[in-house]
Amino acid sequence: TERRAEIKLELSEKTKPVDAEDFLARANILLAQQKGIIKFSVFLTDYNKNGSTVTIEYFTPAFTLAEFNQVKQEVNLQLMILIEKGKMGLAAAGSTINILGSEGEAPKSNPIL
């Protein structure tokens, strides 16, 4: 009788706790004001060396798939705006690896790409 959406946002490790808290509050307001959403939850569900994970779950009535995708698109765009306005970033997909020589300097030959 309902459709469910789940979003996991991995915020950068540089995100300050006060900024994450502000984002959570604003995301709750956004979802409360979104037409077509019956119930929702927004939580900081994980924290590790790579950053923190915000899990957003919401439910809509049994819309058609096109209507449901329209709600999802609007929510995703608004979340992107919240992240941009909060000057936060998402966690990076890759890592940088530095190999240091015995003197503590990076080798001058054979770079790793």
N, C-alpha and C. Protein backbone atom coordinates (compact mmCIF):
# COMPACT_ATOMS: atom_id res chain seq x y z
N THR A 1 0.82 -1.20 0.00
CA THR A 1 0.00 0.00 0.00
C THR A 1 0.86 1.26 0.00
N GLU A 2 2.17 1.10 0.12
CA GLU A 2 3.09 2.25 0.14
C GLU A 2 4.31 1.93 -0.72
N ARG A 3 4.99 2.98 -1.12
CA ARG A 3 6.29 2.81 -1.78
C ARG A 3 7.35 3.35 -0.82
N ARG A 4 8.52 2.70 -0.84
CA ARG A 4 9.60 3.06 0.09
C ARG A 4 10.83 3.50 -0.68
N ALA A 5 11.47 4.55 -0.18
CA ALA A 5 12.74 5.00 -0.75
C ALA A 5 13.77 5.08 0.38
N GLU A 6 15.00 4.74 0.05
CA GLU A 6 16.08 4.84 1.01
C GLU A 6 17.27 5.51 0.34
N ILE A 7 17.86 6.45 1.05
CA ILE A 7 19.03 7.17 0.54
C ILE A 7 20.11 7.07 1.59
N LYS A 8 21.32 6.73 1.18
CA LYS A 8 22.46 6.73 2.08
C LYS A 8 23.45 7.75 1.55
N LEU A 9 23.67 8.78 2.34
CA LEU A 9 24.62 9.83 1.98
C LEU A 9 25.86 9.68 2.84
N GLU A 10 27.00 9.53 2.22
CA GLU A 10 28.25 9.41 2.95
C GLU A 10 28.94 10.77 2.93
N LEU A 11 28.86 11.45 4.07
CA LEU A 11 29.45 12.78 4.19
C LEU A 11 30.95 12.67 4.41
N SER A 12 31.68 13.64 3.90
CA SER A 12 33.13 13.69 4.02
C SER A 12 33.57 13.65 5.48
N GLU A 13 34.76 13.09 5.71
CA GLU A 13 35.32 13.06 7.06
C GLU A 13 35.62 14.46 7.57
N LYS A 14 35.63 15.44 6.68
CA LYS A 14 35.89 16.83 7.07
C LYS A 14 34.63 17.54 7.56
N THR A 15 33.48 16.87 7.47
CA THR A 15 32.23 17.48 7.92
C THR A 15 32.25 17.64 9.43
N LYS A 16 32.03 18.86 9.88
CA LYS A 16 32.02 19.15 11.31
C LYS A 16 30.71 18.65 11.93
N PRO A 17 30.76 18.22 13.19
CA PRO A 17 29.54 17.74 13.84
C PRO A 17 28.39 18.75 13.81
N VAL A 18 28.69 20.02 14.00
CA VAL A 18 27.63 21.04 13.99
C VAL A 18 27.00 21.13 12.60
N ASP A 19 27.80 20.96 11.55
CA ASP A 19 27.26 21.00 10.18
C ASP A 19 26.41 19.77 9.90
N ALA A 20 26.84 18.61 10.39
CA ALA A 20 26.05 17.39 10.21
C ALA A 20 24.72 17.51 10.95
N GLU A 21 24.77 18.05 12.15
CA GLU A 21 23.54 18.23 12.93
C GLU A 21 22.58 19.19 12.23
N ASP A 22 23.11 20.26 11.67
CA ASP A 22 22.29 21.22 10.93
C ASP A 22 21.68 20.56 9.69
N PHE A 23 22.48 19.75 9.00
CA PHE A 23 21.97 19.05 7.82
C PHE A 23 20.82 18.11 8.19
N LEU A 24 20.97 17.36 9.28
CA LEU A 24 19.92 16.45 9.73
C LEU A 24 18.63 17.21 10.02
N ALA A 25 18.75 18.34 10.69
CA ALA A 25 17.56 19.14 11.01
C ALA A 25 16.90 19.67 9.74
N ARG A 26 17.69 20.16 8.82
CA ARG A 26 17.14 20.70 7.57
C ARG A 26 16.53 19.61 6.69
N ALA A 27 17.15 18.42 6.69
CA ALA A 27 16.59 17.30 5.93
C ALA A 27 15.25 16.87 6.50
N ASN A 28 15.13 16.89 7.83
CA ASN A 28 13.83 16.57 8.46
C ASN A 28 12.76 17.57 8.04
N ILE A 29 13.10 18.86 8.02
CA ILE A 29 12.15 19.90 7.61
C ILE A 29 11.77 19.71 6.15
N LEU A 30 12.76 19.44 5.31
CA LEU A 30 12.52 19.22 3.88
C LEU A 30 11.52 18.09 3.66
N LEU A 31 11.73 16.98 4.32
CA LEU A 31 10.84 15.83 4.12
C LEU A 31 9.45 16.07 4.71
N ALA A 32 9.39 16.80 5.81
CA ALA A 32 8.08 17.11 6.41
C ALA A 32 7.25 17.99 5.49
N GLN A 33 7.91 18.82 4.68
CA GLN A 33 7.20 19.74 3.79
C GLN A 33 6.96 19.15 2.40
N GLN A 34 7.58 18.01 2.11
CA GLN A 34 7.47 17.42 0.77
C GLN A 34 6.10 16.78 0.56
N LYS A 35 5.43 17.21 -0.48
CA LYS A 35 4.12 16.64 -0.82
C LYS A 35 4.30 15.18 -1.22
N GLY A 36 3.41 14.33 -0.76
CA GLY A 36 3.42 12.94 -1.15
C GLY A 36 4.18 12.02 -0.22
N ILE A 37 4.85 12.56 0.78
CA ILE A 37 5.56 11.70 1.72
C ILE A 37 4.69 11.50 2.96
N ILE A 38 4.43 10.23 3.28
CA ILE A 38 3.57 9.89 4.41
C ILE A 38 4.34 9.90 5.72
N LYS A 39 5.49 9.22 5.73
CA LYS A 39 6.33 9.15 6.93
C LYS A 39 7.78 9.03 6.50
N PHE A 40 8.68 9.41 7.40
CA PHE A 40 10.09 9.43 7.04
C PHE A 40 10.95 9.35 8.30
N SER A 41 12.23 9.05 8.09
CA SER A 41 13.22 9.11 9.17
C SER A 41 14.55 9.56 8.57
N VAL A 42 15.29 10.33 9.37
CA VAL A 42 16.61 10.83 8.97
C VAL A 42 17.54 10.62 10.16
N PHE A 43 18.58 9.82 9.98
CA PHE A 43 19.49 9.52 11.09
C PHE A 43 20.93 9.47 10.63
N LEU A 44 21.83 9.84 11.53
CA LEU A 44 23.25 9.61 11.33
C LEU A 44 23.48 8.17 11.78
N THR A 45 23.71 7.27 10.83
CA THR A 45 23.72 5.85 11.15
C THR A 45 25.11 5.24 11.24
N ASP A 46 26.14 5.97 10.80
CA ASP A 46 27.49 5.40 10.86
C ASP A 46 28.50 6.53 10.90
N TYR A 47 29.61 6.27 11.56
CA TYR A 47 30.71 7.23 11.63
C TYR A 47 32.00 6.44 11.65
N ASN A 48 32.90 6.75 10.71
CA ASN A 48 34.18 6.06 10.67
C ASN A 48 35.23 6.98 10.06
N LYS A 49 36.41 6.45 9.80
CA LYS A 49 37.53 7.26 9.32
C LYS A 49 37.26 7.92 7.97
N ASN A 50 36.33 7.37 7.19
CA ASN A 50 36.02 7.93 5.88
C ASN A 50 34.95 9.01 5.93
N GLY A 51 34.28 9.14 7.06
CA GLY A 51 33.22 10.14 7.19
C GLY A 51 32.04 9.59 7.97
N SER A 52 30.90 10.16 7.73
CA SER A 52 29.69 9.72 8.42
C SER A 52 28.61 9.44 7.40
N THR A 53 27.72 8.52 7.75
CA THR A 53 26.65 8.12 6.85
C THR A 53 25.31 8.58 7.40
N VAL A 54 24.57 9.28 6.57
CA VAL A 54 23.22 9.68 6.90
C VAL A 54 22.29 8.77 6.10
N THR A 55 21.36 8.13 6.81
CA THR A 55 20.38 7.27 6.15
C THR A 55 19.02 7.95 6.22
N ILE A 56 18.42 8.11 5.05
CA ILE A 56 17.10 8.73 4.93
C ILE A 56 16.17 7.69 4.35
N GLU A 57 15.05 7.49 5.03
CA GLU A 57 14.04 6.55 4.56
C GLU A 57 12.70 7.27 4.56
N TYR A 58 11.96 7.09 3.47
CA TYR A 58 10.63 7.70 3.44
C TYR A 58 9.66 6.83 2.66
N PHE A 59 8.39 7.06 2.93
CA PHE A 59 7.32 6.28 2.32
C PHE A 59 6.33 7.22 1.65
N THR A 60 5.80 6.78 0.52
CA THR A 60 4.76 7.52 -0.19
C THR A 60 3.55 6.60 -0.34
N PRO A 61 2.41 7.17 -0.71
CA PRO A 61 1.28 6.29 -1.05
C PRO A 61 1.67 5.42 -2.25
N ALA A 62 0.84 4.51 -2.61
CA ALA A 62 1.11 3.61 -3.73
C ALA A 62 0.96 4.36 -5.05
N PHE A 63 1.82 5.34 -5.25
CA PHE A 63 1.84 6.11 -6.49
C PHE A 63 2.21 5.21 -7.66
N THR A 64 1.96 5.71 -8.87
CA THR A 64 2.52 5.04 -10.04
C THR A 64 4.03 5.20 -9.96
N LEU A 65 4.74 4.38 -10.70
CA LEU A 65 6.20 4.47 -10.68
C LEU A 65 6.67 5.85 -11.13
N ALA A 66 6.02 6.42 -12.11
CA ALA A 66 6.40 7.75 -12.60
C ALA A 66 6.22 8.80 -11.51
N GLU A 67 5.11 8.74 -10.78
CA GLU A 67 4.87 9.70 -9.69
C GLU A 67 5.89 9.51 -8.57
N PHE A 68 6.18 8.26 -8.24
CA PHE A 68 7.16 7.97 -7.19
C PHE A 68 8.54 8.48 -7.58
N ASN A 69 8.93 8.24 -8.83
CA ASN A 69 10.23 8.73 -9.30
C ASN A 69 10.30 10.25 -9.30
N GLN A 70 9.18 10.91 -9.54
CA GLN A 70 9.16 12.37 -9.49
C GLN A 70 9.42 12.87 -8.06
N VAL A 71 8.81 12.21 -7.08
CA VAL A 71 9.06 12.56 -5.67
C VAL A 71 10.52 12.31 -5.33
N LYS A 72 11.05 11.15 -5.74
CA LYS A 72 12.46 10.83 -5.46
C LYS A 72 13.39 11.87 -6.07
N GLN A 73 13.11 12.26 -7.30
CA GLN A 73 13.95 13.26 -7.97
C GLN A 73 13.93 14.58 -7.21
N GLU A 74 12.76 15.02 -6.81
CA GLU A 74 12.64 16.29 -6.08
C GLU A 74 13.39 16.22 -4.74
N VAL A 75 13.24 15.12 -4.02
CA VAL A 75 13.93 14.96 -2.75
C VAL A 75 15.44 14.96 -2.97
N ASN A 76 15.92 14.21 -3.95
CA ASN A 76 17.36 14.15 -4.22
C ASN A 76 17.93 15.51 -4.59
N LEU A 77 17.23 16.25 -5.43
CA LEU A 77 17.70 17.59 -5.81
C LEU A 77 17.76 18.51 -4.60
N GLN A 78 16.74 18.45 -3.76
CA GLN A 78 16.72 19.31 -2.57
C GLN A 78 17.83 18.92 -1.59
N LEU A 79 18.13 17.64 -1.49
CA LEU A 79 19.23 17.21 -0.63
C LEU A 79 20.57 17.70 -1.18
N MET A 80 20.72 17.67 -2.50
CA MET A 80 21.94 18.19 -3.11
C MET A 80 22.11 19.67 -2.78
N ILE A 81 21.03 20.41 -2.82
CA ILE A 81 21.08 21.84 -2.49
C ILE A 81 21.46 22.04 -1.03
N LEU A 82 20.89 21.23 -0.13
CA LEU A 82 21.23 21.33 1.29
C LEU A 82 22.72 21.07 1.53
N ILE A 83 23.26 20.07 0.85
CA ILE A 83 24.68 19.76 1.00
C ILE A 83 25.53 20.91 0.48
N GLU A 84 25.14 21.47 -0.65
CA GLU A 84 25.89 22.59 -1.23
C GLU A 84 25.81 23.82 -0.34
N LYS A 85 24.62 24.14 0.14
CA LYS A 85 24.46 25.32 1.01
C LYS A 85 25.21 25.15 2.32
N GLY A 86 25.27 23.94 2.82
CA GLY A 86 25.99 23.66 4.07
C GLY A 86 27.48 23.57 3.87
N LYS A 87 27.94 23.75 2.62
CA LYS A 87 29.35 23.67 2.26
C LYS A 87 29.98 22.38 2.76
N MET A 88 29.20 21.30 2.61
CA MET A 88 29.69 19.98 3.00
C MET A 88 30.01 19.23 1.72
N GLY A 89 30.80 18.20 1.86
CA GLY A 89 31.11 17.36 0.72
C GLY A 89 30.76 15.92 1.02
N LEU A 90 30.66 15.14 -0.03
CA LEU A 90 30.44 13.72 0.13
C LEU A 90 31.79 13.03 0.24
N ALA A 91 31.80 11.87 0.87
CA ALA A 91 33.04 11.11 1.03
C ALA A 91 33.59 10.76 -0.34
N ALA A 92 34.90 10.80 -0.47
CA ALA A 92 35.56 10.50 -1.73
C ALA A 92 35.49 9.00 -2.02
N ALA A 93 35.41 8.69 -3.29
CA ALA A 93 35.32 7.28 -3.70
C ALA A 93 36.66 6.58 -3.60
N GLY A 94 37.75 7.31 -3.75
CA GLY A 94 39.07 6.69 -3.76
C GLY A 94 39.93 7.18 -2.61
N SER A 95 41.11 6.68 -2.57
CA SER A 95 42.06 7.06 -1.53
C SER A 95 43.37 7.43 -2.19
N THR A 96 44.15 8.22 -1.50
CA THR A 96 45.48 8.56 -1.95
C THR A 96 46.47 7.76 -1.13
N ILE A 97 47.40 7.11 -1.80
CA ILE A 97 48.40 6.32 -1.10
C ILE A 97 49.76 6.95 -1.38
N ASN A 98 50.49 7.28 -0.33
CA ASN A 98 51.83 7.82 -0.46
C ASN A 98 52.82 6.78 0.05
N ILE A 99 53.81 6.45 -0.78
CA ILE A 99 54.84 5.51 -0.37
C ILE A 99 56.08 6.30 -0.06
N LEU A 100 56.53 6.17 1.17
CA LEU A 100 57.70 6.92 1.62
C LEU A 100 58.92 6.03 1.60
N GLY A 101 60.06 6.63 1.19
CA GLY A 101 61.33 5.90 1.20
C GLY A 101 61.88 5.83 2.61
N SER A 102 63.04 5.26 2.74
CA SER A 102 63.65 5.09 4.06
C SER A 102 63.97 6.43 4.72
N GLU A 103 64.16 7.48 3.94
CA GLU A 103 64.45 8.80 4.50
C GLU A 103 63.18 9.61 4.73
N GLY A 104 62.02 9.00 4.51
CA GLY A 104 60.76 9.72 4.72
C GLY A 104 60.33 10.54 3.52
N GLU A 105 60.98 10.35 2.38
CA GLU A 105 60.62 11.08 1.17
C GLU A 105 60.01 10.12 0.15
N ALA A 106 59.14 10.66 -0.67
CA ALA A 106 58.56 9.85 -1.74
C ALA A 106 59.64 9.50 -2.75
N PRO A 107 59.62 8.27 -3.30
CA PRO A 107 60.61 7.91 -4.32
C PRO A 107 60.48 8.81 -5.54
N LYS A 108 61.60 9.12 -6.16
CA LYS A 108 61.60 10.03 -7.29
C LYS A 108 61.33 9.30 -8.62
N SER A 109 61.44 8.00 -8.63
CA SER A 109 61.17 7.24 -9.86
C SER A 109 60.09 6.22 -9.59
N ASN A 110 59.59 5.63 -10.67
CA ASN A 110 58.54 4.63 -10.60
C ASN A 110 57.28 5.13 -9.86
N PRO A 111 56.70 6.24 -10.34
CA PRO A 111 55.48 6.73 -9.67
C PRO A 111 54.33 5.75 -9.84
N ILE A 112 53.48 5.70 -8.86
CA ILE A 112 52.29 4.86 -8.92
C ILE A 112 51.14 5.69 -9.41
N LEU A 113 50.47 5.25 -10.46
CA LEU A 113 49.34 5.99 -11.02
C LEU A 113 48.06 5.33 -10.64
